[in-house]
Amino acid sequence: MRKARLERKTKETKVKIELNLDGKGNSKIHTTVPFLDHMLALFAKHGLFDLKIEAKGDTEIDDHHLVEDIGITLGEAIKKCLREKRGAHLKGINRYGYALIPMDESLVSSKVDLTAVDISGRPYLVYQVKFKPTSVPVIRTRRKEVIASFDFSLLKEFFRALVNSAGITLHFRLEHGENNHHIAEALFKSFGKALKMAVEINQRIKGVPSTKGRL
């Protein structure tokens, strides 16, 4: 099993993550940002990763610090799980993965090229995704009004942080979409699917999949 357990503490946030790349898609996620909880659960489910996250931060200011630090820590966990990019008996990973995900009117394509940042130095994010401007929605309960909003521009910061700490190249391209929630779902589902393909052990590959002999 390729597993990792990490904790990140700053003056702004506290993040704990447990990740199993060879899981079943189970997740237990509490970040105090409900929308992000939902997106990360989708990532785990469609990637068949077991994922636990406990996180909190200075969300009374905004969600930026927490969302970014979760991306950093999840990227570090992915990198730790992959170790030398090989499985048992020195079998290699696929390295490359891709997915094309429809979510109602939204269609997102993504490609993942797994490369360790400390070896190749090629973490890179291509993010061709635009969200629609939205007003702040209000959820009314019996006792009070609760303002529930999410800044969709933070998703780019999340993926940039993840890419840099994991040492992977990640391309996202939104083919078309109108609903921000659907676009975000397609992003996380496609990332889960693409990463699953990329990290799978291929019995036909010996060592790492690179003519250089290392990643």
N, C-alpha and C. Protein backbone atom coordinates (compact mmCIF):
# COMPACT_ATOMS: atom_id res chain seq x y z
N MET A 1 0.84 -1.20 0.00
CA MET A 1 0.00 0.00 0.00
C MET A 1 0.88 1.26 0.00
N ARG A 2 0.54 2.19 -0.87
CA ARG A 2 1.27 3.46 -0.93
C ARG A 2 0.49 4.48 -0.11
N LYS A 3 0.97 4.69 1.12
CA LYS A 3 0.25 5.53 2.06
C LYS A 3 1.14 6.67 2.55
N ALA A 4 0.49 7.74 3.01
CA ALA A 4 1.21 8.87 3.61
C ALA A 4 0.33 9.53 4.65
N ARG A 5 0.96 10.02 5.69
CA ARG A 5 0.26 10.79 6.73
C ARG A 5 1.10 12.04 6.98
N LEU A 6 0.49 13.21 6.81
CA LEU A 6 1.23 14.47 6.93
C LEU A 6 0.44 15.48 7.74
N GLU A 7 1.16 16.39 8.37
CA GLU A 7 0.54 17.48 9.11
C GLU A 7 1.29 18.77 8.80
N ARG A 8 0.54 19.83 8.55
CA ARG A 8 1.12 21.14 8.27
C ARG A 8 0.53 22.16 9.23
N LYS A 9 1.40 22.88 9.95
CA LYS A 9 0.94 23.90 10.89
C LYS A 9 1.61 25.23 10.55
N THR A 10 0.81 26.26 10.45
CA THR A 10 1.33 27.62 10.31
C THR A 10 0.57 28.51 11.30
N LYS A 11 0.88 29.78 11.30
CA LYS A 11 0.14 30.72 12.14
C LYS A 11 -1.27 30.95 11.61
N GLU A 12 -1.51 30.51 10.37
CA GLU A 12 -2.80 30.75 9.73
C GLU A 12 -3.67 29.49 9.61
N THR A 13 -3.02 28.33 9.52
CA THR A 13 -3.78 27.11 9.27
C THR A 13 -3.18 25.90 9.99
N LYS A 14 -4.00 24.86 10.09
CA LYS A 14 -3.56 23.56 10.59
C LYS A 14 -4.23 22.50 9.72
N VAL A 15 -3.42 21.66 9.08
CA VAL A 15 -3.93 20.67 8.13
C VAL A 15 -3.33 19.31 8.45
N LYS A 16 -4.21 18.30 8.56
CA LYS A 16 -3.79 16.91 8.70
C LYS A 16 -4.37 16.10 7.55
N ILE A 17 -3.52 15.31 6.90
CA ILE A 17 -3.97 14.52 5.75
C ILE A 17 -3.44 13.09 5.85
N GLU A 18 -4.31 12.13 5.57
CA GLU A 18 -3.93 10.74 5.38
C GLU A 18 -4.39 10.33 3.99
N LEU A 19 -3.47 9.76 3.20
CA LEU A 19 -3.78 9.39 1.82
C LEU A 19 -3.29 7.98 1.53
N ASN A 20 -4.13 7.20 0.88
CA ASN A 20 -3.77 5.87 0.39
C ASN A 20 -4.10 5.81 -1.09
N LEU A 21 -3.06 5.76 -1.91
CA LEU A 21 -3.27 5.74 -3.36
C LEU A 21 -3.90 4.43 -3.84
N ASP A 22 -3.77 3.38 -3.03
CA ASP A 22 -4.29 2.06 -3.41
C ASP A 22 -5.53 1.74 -2.59
N GLY A 23 -6.40 2.72 -2.47
CA GLY A 23 -7.59 2.56 -1.65
C GLY A 23 -8.82 2.14 -2.43
N LYS A 24 -9.99 2.48 -1.87
CA LYS A 24 -11.27 2.11 -2.47
C LYS A 24 -12.17 3.31 -2.75
N GLY A 25 -11.65 4.50 -2.51
CA GLY A 25 -12.45 5.70 -2.74
C GLY A 25 -13.17 6.21 -1.51
N ASN A 26 -12.75 5.74 -0.34
CA ASN A 26 -13.37 6.20 0.90
C ASN A 26 -12.78 7.53 1.34
N SER A 27 -13.60 8.38 1.91
CA SER A 27 -13.10 9.68 2.35
C SER A 27 -13.80 10.14 3.63
N LYS A 28 -13.07 10.90 4.42
CA LYS A 28 -13.59 11.54 5.62
C LYS A 28 -12.92 12.90 5.69
N ILE A 29 -13.65 13.93 5.28
CA ILE A 29 -13.04 15.23 5.06
C ILE A 29 -13.79 16.33 5.80
N HIS A 30 -13.05 17.07 6.62
CA HIS A 30 -13.61 18.21 7.36
C HIS A 30 -12.61 19.36 7.29
N THR A 31 -12.90 20.34 6.43
CA THR A 31 -11.98 21.46 6.24
C THR A 31 -12.56 22.80 6.72
N THR A 32 -13.79 22.80 7.18
CA THR A 32 -14.57 24.00 7.54
C THR A 32 -14.99 24.79 6.31
N VAL A 33 -14.66 24.29 5.11
CA VAL A 33 -15.13 24.87 3.84
C VAL A 33 -15.96 23.79 3.16
N PRO A 34 -17.26 23.77 3.38
CA PRO A 34 -18.10 22.66 2.90
C PRO A 34 -17.97 22.36 1.41
N PHE A 35 -17.88 23.39 0.59
CA PHE A 35 -17.78 23.16 -0.85
C PHE A 35 -16.50 22.40 -1.19
N LEU A 36 -15.39 22.78 -0.55
CA LEU A 36 -14.13 22.09 -0.80
C LEU A 36 -14.19 20.66 -0.28
N ASP A 37 -14.87 20.43 0.84
CA ASP A 37 -15.06 19.07 1.34
C ASP A 37 -15.70 18.20 0.26
N HIS A 38 -16.72 18.73 -0.37
CA HIS A 38 -17.46 18.00 -1.41
C HIS A 38 -16.55 17.71 -2.60
N MET A 39 -15.76 18.68 -3.03
CA MET A 39 -14.88 18.50 -4.18
C MET A 39 -13.81 17.45 -3.90
N LEU A 40 -13.23 17.49 -2.71
CA LEU A 40 -12.19 16.53 -2.36
C LEU A 40 -12.74 15.12 -2.22
N ALA A 41 -13.98 15.01 -1.77
CA ALA A 41 -14.63 13.69 -1.70
C ALA A 41 -14.83 13.12 -3.09
N LEU A 42 -15.16 13.99 -4.05
CA LEU A 42 -15.30 13.55 -5.44
C LEU A 42 -13.96 13.07 -6.00
N PHE A 43 -12.91 13.82 -5.71
CA PHE A 43 -11.56 13.44 -6.14
C PHE A 43 -11.20 12.06 -5.63
N ALA A 44 -11.45 11.81 -4.33
CA ALA A 44 -11.12 10.52 -3.74
C ALA A 44 -11.96 9.40 -4.33
N LYS A 45 -13.27 9.65 -4.48
CA LYS A 45 -14.19 8.63 -4.98
C LYS A 45 -13.82 8.18 -6.39
N HIS A 46 -13.57 9.13 -7.27
CA HIS A 46 -13.32 8.79 -8.66
C HIS A 46 -11.88 8.38 -8.94
N GLY A 47 -10.98 8.69 -8.00
CA GLY A 47 -9.60 8.22 -8.13
C GLY A 47 -9.36 6.92 -7.39
N LEU A 48 -10.38 6.46 -6.63
CA LEU A 48 -10.24 5.27 -5.77
C LEU A 48 -9.12 5.45 -4.76
N PHE A 49 -8.99 6.68 -4.25
CA PHE A 49 -8.02 6.97 -3.19
C PHE A 49 -8.76 7.03 -1.85
N ASP A 50 -8.17 6.49 -0.80
CA ASP A 50 -8.70 6.70 0.54
C ASP A 50 -8.08 7.98 1.08
N LEU A 51 -8.93 8.90 1.53
CA LEU A 51 -8.46 10.23 1.91
C LEU A 51 -9.13 10.72 3.17
N LYS A 52 -8.32 11.12 4.14
CA LYS A 52 -8.82 11.74 5.36
C LYS A 52 -8.17 13.11 5.50
N ILE A 53 -8.98 14.12 5.76
CA ILE A 53 -8.46 15.47 5.95
C ILE A 53 -9.16 16.13 7.13
N GLU A 54 -8.39 16.67 8.04
CA GLU A 54 -8.89 17.55 9.10
C GLU A 54 -8.14 18.86 8.96
N ALA A 55 -8.88 19.95 8.75
CA ALA A 55 -8.21 21.22 8.50
C ALA A 55 -9.03 22.39 9.04
N LYS A 56 -8.34 23.40 9.49
CA LYS A 56 -8.99 24.63 9.91
C LYS A 56 -8.00 25.77 9.74
N GLY A 57 -8.55 26.98 9.65
CA GLY A 57 -7.68 28.13 9.46
C GLY A 57 -8.43 29.43 9.66
N ASP A 58 -7.82 30.52 9.22
CA ASP A 58 -8.36 31.86 9.45
C ASP A 58 -9.43 32.20 8.42
N THR A 59 -10.45 31.37 8.34
CA THR A 59 -11.52 31.59 7.36
C THR A 59 -12.41 32.77 7.72
N GLU A 60 -12.23 33.32 8.91
CA GLU A 60 -12.96 34.55 9.24
C GLU A 60 -12.47 35.71 8.38
N ILE A 61 -11.24 35.58 7.85
CA ILE A 61 -10.71 36.58 6.92
C ILE A 61 -11.19 36.24 5.51
N ASP A 62 -10.78 35.08 5.01
CA ASP A 62 -11.31 34.47 3.79
C ASP A 62 -10.77 33.04 3.73
N ASP A 63 -11.09 32.32 2.66
CA ASP A 63 -10.72 30.91 2.58
C ASP A 63 -9.35 30.67 1.94
N HIS A 64 -8.69 31.73 1.50
CA HIS A 64 -7.49 31.59 0.68
C HIS A 64 -6.40 30.78 1.35
N HIS A 65 -6.00 31.16 2.56
CA HIS A 65 -4.89 30.48 3.22
C HIS A 65 -5.18 29.00 3.41
N LEU A 66 -6.39 28.68 3.83
CA LEU A 66 -6.72 27.29 4.10
C LEU A 66 -6.77 26.46 2.83
N VAL A 67 -7.41 26.97 1.79
CA VAL A 67 -7.50 26.24 0.52
C VAL A 67 -6.11 25.99 -0.05
N GLU A 68 -5.26 26.99 -0.02
CA GLU A 68 -3.90 26.85 -0.55
C GLU A 68 -3.09 25.84 0.26
N ASP A 69 -3.18 25.91 1.58
CA ASP A 69 -2.39 25.00 2.43
C ASP A 69 -2.87 23.57 2.33
N ILE A 70 -4.15 23.36 2.09
CA ILE A 70 -4.64 22.00 1.84
C ILE A 70 -4.06 21.48 0.53
N GLY A 71 -3.99 22.34 -0.49
CA GLY A 71 -3.36 21.95 -1.75
C GLY A 71 -1.90 21.58 -1.57
N ILE A 72 -1.17 22.38 -0.79
CA ILE A 72 0.24 22.09 -0.52
C ILE A 72 0.40 20.74 0.15
N THR A 73 -0.40 20.50 1.20
CA THR A 73 -0.26 19.28 1.99
C THR A 73 -0.69 18.05 1.20
N LEU A 74 -1.76 18.16 0.42
CA LEU A 74 -2.19 17.04 -0.40
C LEU A 74 -1.13 16.70 -1.46
N GLY A 75 -0.52 17.73 -2.04
CA GLY A 75 0.55 17.50 -3.01
C GLY A 75 1.74 16.79 -2.37
N GLU A 76 2.09 17.18 -1.16
CA GLU A 76 3.19 16.53 -0.44
C GLU A 76 2.85 15.08 -0.14
N ALA A 77 1.59 14.82 0.17
CA ALA A 77 1.16 13.45 0.46
C ALA A 77 1.25 12.58 -0.80
N ILE A 78 0.83 13.12 -1.94
CA ILE A 78 0.94 12.38 -3.20
C ILE A 78 2.40 12.05 -3.50
N LYS A 79 3.26 13.02 -3.32
CA LYS A 79 4.68 12.82 -3.58
C LYS A 79 5.27 11.77 -2.65
N LYS A 80 4.89 11.81 -1.38
CA LYS A 80 5.40 10.84 -0.41
C LYS A 80 4.90 9.43 -0.74
N CYS A 81 3.65 9.31 -1.16
CA CYS A 81 3.09 8.01 -1.52
C CYS A 81 3.86 7.38 -2.69
N LEU A 82 4.24 8.21 -3.66
CA LEU A 82 4.89 7.69 -4.86
C LEU A 82 6.35 7.29 -4.64
N ARG A 83 7.00 7.90 -3.68
CA ARG A 83 8.38 7.58 -3.34
C ARG A 83 9.26 7.54 -4.58
N GLU A 84 9.73 6.35 -4.96
CA GLU A 84 10.65 6.24 -6.10
C GLU A 84 9.92 5.98 -7.41
N LYS A 85 8.60 6.22 -7.42
CA LYS A 85 7.78 6.04 -8.64
C LYS A 85 7.76 4.58 -9.11
N ARG A 86 7.94 3.64 -8.16
CA ARG A 86 7.91 2.23 -8.50
C ARG A 86 7.08 1.48 -7.48
N GLY A 87 6.53 0.35 -7.89
CA GLY A 87 5.76 -0.49 -7.00
C GLY A 87 6.58 -1.67 -6.54
N ALA A 88 5.89 -2.72 -6.10
CA ALA A 88 6.58 -3.93 -5.65
C ALA A 88 7.35 -4.55 -6.81
N HIS A 89 8.48 -5.18 -6.48
CA HIS A 89 9.31 -5.87 -7.48
C HIS A 89 9.79 -4.91 -8.57
N LEU A 90 9.94 -3.63 -8.20
CA LEU A 90 10.50 -2.61 -9.07
C LEU A 90 9.64 -2.35 -10.32
N LYS A 91 8.36 -2.67 -10.26
CA LYS A 91 7.47 -2.37 -11.37
C LYS A 91 7.16 -0.88 -11.40
N GLY A 92 7.03 -0.33 -12.60
CA GLY A 92 6.87 1.11 -12.74
C GLY A 92 5.42 1.56 -12.82
N ILE A 93 5.22 2.83 -12.61
CA ILE A 93 3.89 3.43 -12.76
C ILE A 93 3.67 3.81 -14.22
N ASN A 94 2.42 4.03 -14.57
CA ASN A 94 2.12 4.46 -15.94
C ASN A 94 2.75 5.81 -16.27
N ARG A 95 2.84 6.66 -15.25
CA ARG A 95 3.36 8.03 -15.35
C ARG A 95 2.36 8.99 -15.96
N TYR A 96 1.74 8.65 -17.06
CA TYR A 96 0.80 9.54 -17.73
C TYR A 96 -0.64 9.11 -17.48
N GLY A 97 -1.51 10.07 -17.36
CA GLY A 97 -2.93 9.79 -17.22
C GLY A 97 -3.75 10.90 -17.82
N TYR A 98 -4.97 10.59 -18.19
CA TYR A 98 -5.83 11.61 -18.78
C TYR A 98 -7.28 11.23 -18.53
N ALA A 99 -8.16 12.21 -18.63
CA ALA A 99 -9.59 11.97 -18.44
C ALA A 99 -10.38 13.05 -19.13
N LEU A 100 -11.56 12.68 -19.61
CA LEU A 100 -12.51 13.61 -20.22
C LEU A 100 -13.83 13.40 -19.49
N ILE A 101 -14.26 14.39 -18.72
CA ILE A 101 -15.40 14.22 -17.82
C ILE A 101 -16.54 15.17 -18.19
N PRO A 102 -17.72 14.64 -18.54
CA PRO A 102 -18.91 15.48 -18.71
C PRO A 102 -19.65 15.60 -17.39
N MET A 103 -20.09 16.80 -17.06
CA MET A 103 -20.91 17.04 -15.87
C MET A 103 -22.07 17.92 -16.30
N ASP A 104 -23.17 17.29 -16.72
CA ASP A 104 -24.29 18.01 -17.31
C ASP A 104 -23.80 18.85 -18.50
N GLU A 105 -23.90 20.18 -18.39
CA GLU A 105 -23.50 21.01 -19.53
C GLU A 105 -22.00 21.29 -19.57
N SER A 106 -21.25 20.85 -18.53
CA SER A 106 -19.82 21.14 -18.45
C SER A 106 -19.01 19.95 -18.96
N LEU A 107 -17.89 20.26 -19.62
CA LEU A 107 -16.99 19.22 -20.12
C LEU A 107 -15.56 19.68 -19.86
N VAL A 108 -14.83 18.89 -19.09
CA VAL A 108 -13.47 19.24 -18.71
C VAL A 108 -12.53 18.12 -19.11
N SER A 109 -11.40 18.49 -19.71
CA SER A 109 -10.37 17.50 -20.00
C SER A 109 -9.14 17.83 -19.16
N SER A 110 -8.42 16.79 -18.75
CA SER A 110 -7.21 17.01 -17.97
C SER A 110 -6.16 15.98 -18.31
N LYS A 111 -4.89 16.37 -18.17
CA LYS A 111 -3.79 15.46 -18.40
C LYS A 111 -2.81 15.60 -17.25
N VAL A 112 -2.30 14.49 -16.79
CA VAL A 112 -1.37 14.51 -15.69
C VAL A 112 -0.07 13.81 -16.09
N ASP A 113 1.05 14.46 -15.91
CA ASP A 113 2.36 13.86 -16.17
C ASP A 113 3.09 13.84 -14.83
N LEU A 114 3.24 12.65 -14.25
CA LEU A 114 3.85 12.55 -12.94
C LEU A 114 5.36 12.72 -13.01
N THR A 115 5.87 13.72 -12.32
CA THR A 115 7.30 13.98 -12.30
C THR A 115 7.67 14.51 -10.93
N ALA A 116 8.64 13.92 -10.30
CA ALA A 116 9.05 14.36 -8.96
C ALA A 116 9.80 15.68 -9.07
N VAL A 117 9.39 16.65 -8.28
CA VAL A 117 9.98 17.98 -8.37
C VAL A 117 11.43 18.00 -7.92
N ASP A 118 11.76 17.15 -6.99
CA ASP A 118 13.14 17.17 -6.50
C ASP A 118 14.11 16.49 -7.45
N ILE A 119 13.60 15.80 -8.49
CA ILE A 119 14.46 15.15 -9.48
C ILE A 119 14.41 15.89 -10.81
N SER A 120 13.19 16.11 -11.33
CA SER A 120 13.06 16.72 -12.66
C SER A 120 12.96 18.23 -12.60
N GLY A 121 12.40 18.75 -11.50
CA GLY A 121 12.21 20.19 -11.40
C GLY A 121 11.19 20.73 -12.37
N ARG A 122 10.15 19.92 -12.73
CA ARG A 122 9.20 20.37 -13.72
C ARG A 122 7.75 20.36 -13.23
N PRO A 123 7.48 20.89 -12.05
CA PRO A 123 6.07 21.07 -11.69
C PRO A 123 5.47 22.19 -12.54
N TYR A 124 4.31 21.95 -13.11
CA TYR A 124 3.75 22.95 -14.03
C TYR A 124 2.24 22.80 -14.09
N LEU A 125 1.56 23.94 -14.08
CA LEU A 125 0.10 23.94 -14.17
C LEU A 125 -0.35 24.76 -15.37
N VAL A 126 -1.14 24.15 -16.23
CA VAL A 126 -1.84 24.86 -17.31
C VAL A 126 -3.31 24.81 -16.95
N TYR A 127 -3.92 25.96 -16.76
CA TYR A 127 -5.27 26.04 -16.20
C TYR A 127 -6.14 26.89 -17.12
N GLN A 128 -6.72 26.25 -18.11
CA GLN A 128 -7.58 26.96 -19.06
C GLN A 128 -9.04 26.78 -18.64
N VAL A 129 -9.36 27.41 -17.54
CA VAL A 129 -10.70 27.29 -16.93
C VAL A 129 -11.18 28.68 -16.51
N LYS A 130 -12.39 29.01 -16.88
CA LYS A 130 -12.99 30.27 -16.46
C LYS A 130 -14.35 30.00 -15.83
N PHE A 131 -14.53 30.57 -14.64
CA PHE A 131 -15.81 30.47 -13.95
C PHE A 131 -16.64 31.72 -14.20
N LYS A 132 -17.95 31.56 -14.10
CA LYS A 132 -18.86 32.68 -14.28
C LYS A 132 -18.91 33.54 -13.01
N PRO A 133 -18.97 34.88 -13.17
CA PRO A 133 -19.16 35.74 -11.98
C PRO A 133 -20.48 35.39 -11.30
N THR A 134 -20.45 35.33 -9.97
CA THR A 134 -21.66 34.98 -9.23
C THR A 134 -21.87 35.93 -8.07
N SER A 135 -23.11 36.09 -7.68
CA SER A 135 -23.43 36.83 -6.47
C SER A 135 -23.35 35.88 -5.29
N VAL A 136 -23.32 36.43 -4.09
CA VAL A 136 -23.21 35.61 -2.89
C VAL A 136 -24.57 35.01 -2.55
N PRO A 137 -24.69 33.68 -2.54
CA PRO A 137 -25.97 33.06 -2.21
C PRO A 137 -26.25 33.11 -0.72
N VAL A 138 -27.50 33.10 -0.36
CA VAL A 138 -27.89 33.11 1.05
C VAL A 138 -28.74 31.89 1.34
N ILE A 139 -28.34 31.11 2.34
CA ILE A 139 -29.10 29.95 2.78
C ILE A 139 -29.87 30.33 4.04
N ARG A 140 -31.18 30.19 4.01
CA ARG A 140 -32.00 30.57 5.15
C ARG A 140 -32.38 29.34 5.97
N THR A 141 -32.14 29.42 7.25
CA THR A 141 -32.56 28.37 8.17
C THR A 141 -33.67 28.91 9.04
N ARG A 142 -34.21 28.11 9.93
CA ARG A 142 -35.29 28.56 10.80
C ARG A 142 -34.83 29.61 11.79
N ARG A 143 -33.58 29.55 12.17
CA ARG A 143 -33.08 30.44 13.21
C ARG A 143 -32.41 31.70 12.68
N LYS A 144 -31.69 31.58 11.56
CA LYS A 144 -30.95 32.74 11.09
C LYS A 144 -30.59 32.57 9.63
N GLU A 145 -30.12 33.64 9.04
CA GLU A 145 -29.61 33.59 7.68
C GLU A 145 -28.11 33.30 7.72
N VAL A 146 -27.67 32.37 6.91
CA VAL A 146 -26.26 32.03 6.85
C VAL A 146 -25.75 32.31 5.44
N ILE A 147 -24.77 33.15 5.32
CA ILE A 147 -24.19 33.45 4.01
C ILE A 147 -23.24 32.32 3.64
N ALA A 148 -23.51 31.66 2.53
CA ALA A 148 -22.69 30.53 2.09
C ALA A 148 -22.13 30.84 0.71
N SER A 149 -20.84 31.08 0.63
CA SER A 149 -20.23 31.42 -0.65
C SER A 149 -18.89 30.73 -0.78
N PHE A 150 -18.43 30.58 -2.01
CA PHE A 150 -17.10 30.06 -2.28
C PHE A 150 -16.50 30.83 -3.44
N ASP A 151 -15.26 31.25 -3.27
CA ASP A 151 -14.56 31.99 -4.30
C ASP A 151 -13.92 30.98 -5.25
N PHE A 152 -14.50 30.81 -6.44
CA PHE A 152 -14.03 29.79 -7.37
C PHE A 152 -12.63 30.08 -7.91
N SER A 153 -12.17 31.32 -7.81
CA SER A 153 -10.80 31.61 -8.25
C SER A 153 -9.78 30.91 -7.36
N LEU A 154 -10.18 30.49 -6.16
CA LEU A 154 -9.26 29.80 -5.26
C LEU A 154 -8.89 28.41 -5.74
N LEU A 155 -9.69 27.85 -6.64
CA LEU A 155 -9.38 26.51 -7.13
C LEU A 155 -8.08 26.50 -7.93
N LYS A 156 -7.80 27.56 -8.64
CA LYS A 156 -6.53 27.65 -9.34
C LYS A 156 -5.38 27.68 -8.35
N GLU A 157 -5.55 28.42 -7.25
CA GLU A 157 -4.52 28.49 -6.22
C GLU A 157 -4.32 27.12 -5.57
N PHE A 158 -5.42 26.39 -5.37
CA PHE A 158 -5.35 25.04 -4.81
C PHE A 158 -4.53 24.13 -5.70
N PHE A 159 -4.84 24.09 -6.99
CA PHE A 159 -4.14 23.19 -7.90
C PHE A 159 -2.71 23.64 -8.13
N ARG A 160 -2.45 24.94 -8.14
CA ARG A 160 -1.07 25.40 -8.29
C ARG A 160 -0.23 24.95 -7.10
N ALA A 161 -0.78 25.08 -5.90
CA ALA A 161 -0.07 24.66 -4.69
C ALA A 161 0.18 23.16 -4.71
N LEU A 162 -0.82 22.39 -5.12
CA LEU A 162 -0.69 20.93 -5.18
C LEU A 162 0.38 20.51 -6.18
N VAL A 163 0.35 21.12 -7.36
CA VAL A 163 1.32 20.79 -8.42
C VAL A 163 2.74 21.07 -7.95
N ASN A 164 2.94 22.21 -7.34
CA ASN A 164 4.28 22.60 -6.92
C ASN A 164 4.84 21.68 -5.84
N SER A 165 3.99 21.24 -4.90
CA SER A 165 4.49 20.40 -3.82
C SER A 165 4.56 18.93 -4.23
N ALA A 166 3.71 18.49 -5.16
CA ALA A 166 3.75 17.10 -5.61
C ALA A 166 4.80 16.88 -6.69
N GLY A 167 5.16 17.92 -7.42
CA GLY A 167 6.11 17.78 -8.51
C GLY A 167 5.49 17.11 -9.72
N ILE A 168 4.30 17.56 -10.10
CA ILE A 168 3.64 16.98 -11.28
C ILE A 168 3.28 18.09 -12.26
N THR A 169 3.12 17.70 -13.49
CA THR A 169 2.61 18.61 -14.51
C THR A 169 1.13 18.31 -14.70
N LEU A 170 0.30 19.34 -14.66
CA LEU A 170 -1.14 19.14 -14.75
C LEU A 170 -1.75 20.14 -15.71
N HIS A 171 -2.47 19.63 -16.67
CA HIS A 171 -3.17 20.48 -17.64
C HIS A 171 -4.67 20.34 -17.43
N PHE A 172 -5.38 21.48 -17.33
CA PHE A 172 -6.83 21.51 -17.30
C PHE A 172 -7.33 22.36 -18.47
N ARG A 173 -8.34 21.89 -19.14
CA ARG A 173 -8.97 22.70 -20.16
C ARG A 173 -10.48 22.51 -20.10
N LEU A 174 -11.20 23.61 -19.88
CA LEU A 174 -12.65 23.58 -19.90
C LEU A 174 -13.13 23.69 -21.34
N GLU A 175 -13.77 22.63 -21.82
CA GLU A 175 -14.28 22.65 -23.19
C GLU A 175 -15.51 23.56 -23.28
N HIS A 176 -16.44 23.39 -22.34
CA HIS A 176 -17.59 24.28 -22.23
C HIS A 176 -18.28 24.04 -20.91
N GLY A 177 -19.01 25.05 -20.43
CA GLY A 177 -19.71 24.93 -19.16
C GLY A 177 -20.32 26.25 -18.75
N GLU A 178 -21.43 26.18 -18.05
CA GLU A 178 -22.14 27.38 -17.61
C GLU A 178 -22.26 27.45 -16.09
N ASN A 179 -22.48 26.30 -15.45
CA ASN A 179 -22.72 26.26 -14.02
C ASN A 179 -21.40 26.06 -13.27
N ASN A 180 -21.07 26.98 -12.38
CA ASN A 180 -19.79 26.92 -11.67
C ASN A 180 -19.61 25.64 -10.87
N HIS A 181 -20.67 25.20 -10.22
CA HIS A 181 -20.60 23.97 -9.43
C HIS A 181 -20.28 22.79 -10.34
N HIS A 182 -20.92 22.71 -11.48
CA HIS A 182 -20.67 21.61 -12.40
C HIS A 182 -19.25 21.66 -12.96
N ILE A 183 -18.77 22.86 -13.25
CA ILE A 183 -17.40 23.00 -13.75
C ILE A 183 -16.40 22.51 -12.71
N ALA A 184 -16.60 22.92 -11.46
CA ALA A 184 -15.70 22.50 -10.38
C ALA A 184 -15.74 20.99 -10.18
N GLU A 185 -16.94 20.42 -10.22
CA GLU A 185 -17.06 18.97 -10.09
C GLU A 185 -16.30 18.25 -11.20
N ALA A 186 -16.44 18.73 -12.41
CA ALA A 186 -15.73 18.11 -13.53
C ALA A 186 -14.22 18.19 -13.35
N LEU A 187 -13.74 19.31 -12.79
CA LEU A 187 -12.31 19.46 -12.52
C LEU A 187 -11.81 18.38 -11.57
N PHE A 188 -12.48 18.24 -10.44
CA PHE A 188 -11.99 17.32 -9.41
C PHE A 188 -12.19 15.86 -9.81
N LYS A 189 -13.28 15.57 -10.51
CA LYS A 189 -13.50 14.20 -10.98
C LYS A 189 -12.46 13.81 -12.03
N SER A 190 -12.20 14.71 -12.96
CA SER A 190 -11.23 14.40 -14.01
C SER A 190 -9.83 14.28 -13.44
N PHE A 191 -9.51 15.11 -12.44
CA PHE A 191 -8.19 15.01 -11.81
C PHE A 191 -8.04 13.68 -11.10
N GLY A 192 -9.09 13.26 -10.39
CA GLY A 192 -9.04 11.96 -9.73
C GLY A 192 -8.84 10.82 -10.71
N LYS A 193 -9.60 10.84 -11.81
CA LYS A 193 -9.49 9.80 -12.83
C LYS A 193 -8.11 9.79 -13.48
N ALA A 194 -7.62 10.97 -13.84
CA ALA A 194 -6.33 11.07 -14.52
C ALA A 194 -5.18 10.65 -13.60
N LEU A 195 -5.24 11.07 -12.35
CA LEU A 195 -4.18 10.71 -11.41
C LEU A 195 -4.20 9.22 -11.13
N LYS A 196 -5.39 8.65 -11.01
CA LYS A 196 -5.50 7.20 -10.82
C LYS A 196 -4.79 6.45 -11.94
N MET A 197 -5.03 6.85 -13.18
CA MET A 197 -4.38 6.19 -14.31
C MET A 197 -2.87 6.37 -14.24
N ALA A 198 -2.42 7.56 -13.90
CA ALA A 198 -0.99 7.85 -13.91
C ALA A 198 -0.22 7.09 -12.83
N VAL A 199 -0.83 6.88 -11.66
CA VAL A 199 -0.10 6.25 -10.55
C VAL A 199 -0.27 4.74 -10.51
N GLU A 200 -1.10 4.17 -11.38
CA GLU A 200 -1.29 2.73 -11.39
C GLU A 200 0.01 2.00 -11.75
N ILE A 201 0.25 0.88 -11.06
CA ILE A 201 1.43 0.07 -11.34
C ILE A 201 1.19 -0.73 -12.62
N ASN A 202 2.13 -0.65 -13.53
CA ASN A 202 2.05 -1.37 -14.80
C ASN A 202 3.05 -2.53 -14.76
N GLN A 203 2.54 -3.74 -14.79
CA GLN A 203 3.39 -4.93 -14.67
C GLN A 203 4.39 -5.06 -15.82
N ARG A 204 4.15 -4.39 -16.91
CA ARG A 204 5.05 -4.48 -18.07
C ARG A 204 6.21 -3.49 -17.99
N ILE A 205 6.11 -2.54 -17.06
CA ILE A 205 7.15 -1.52 -16.93
C ILE A 205 8.11 -1.91 -15.82
N LYS A 206 9.38 -1.97 -16.13
CA LYS A 206 10.40 -2.25 -15.13
C LYS A 206 11.13 -0.95 -14.79
N GLY A 207 11.17 -0.62 -13.51
CA GLY A 207 11.80 0.62 -13.10
C GLY A 207 10.89 1.80 -13.37
N VAL A 208 11.49 2.95 -13.65
CA VAL A 208 10.70 4.16 -13.89
C VAL A 208 10.50 4.36 -15.39
N PRO A 209 9.35 4.89 -15.81
CA PRO A 209 9.07 5.07 -17.23
C PRO A 209 9.72 6.33 -17.79
N SER A 210 11.02 6.26 -17.99
CA SER A 210 11.76 7.40 -18.53
C SER A 210 13.05 6.89 -19.17
N THR A 211 13.39 7.44 -20.33
CA THR A 211 14.64 7.05 -20.98
C THR A 211 15.85 7.53 -20.19
N LYS A 212 15.63 8.49 -19.28
CA LYS A 212 16.72 8.97 -18.42
C LYS A 212 17.04 7.98 -17.31
N GLY A 213 16.05 7.11 -17.02
CA GLY A 213 16.25 6.15 -15.93
C GLY A 213 15.86 6.69 -14.58
N ARG A 214 15.30 7.88 -14.56
CA ARG A 214 14.87 8.48 -13.28
C ARG A 214 13.83 9.56 -13.58
N LEU A 215 13.00 9.84 -12.56
CA LEU A 215 12.01 10.90 -12.66
C LEU A 215 12.22 11.87 -11.51
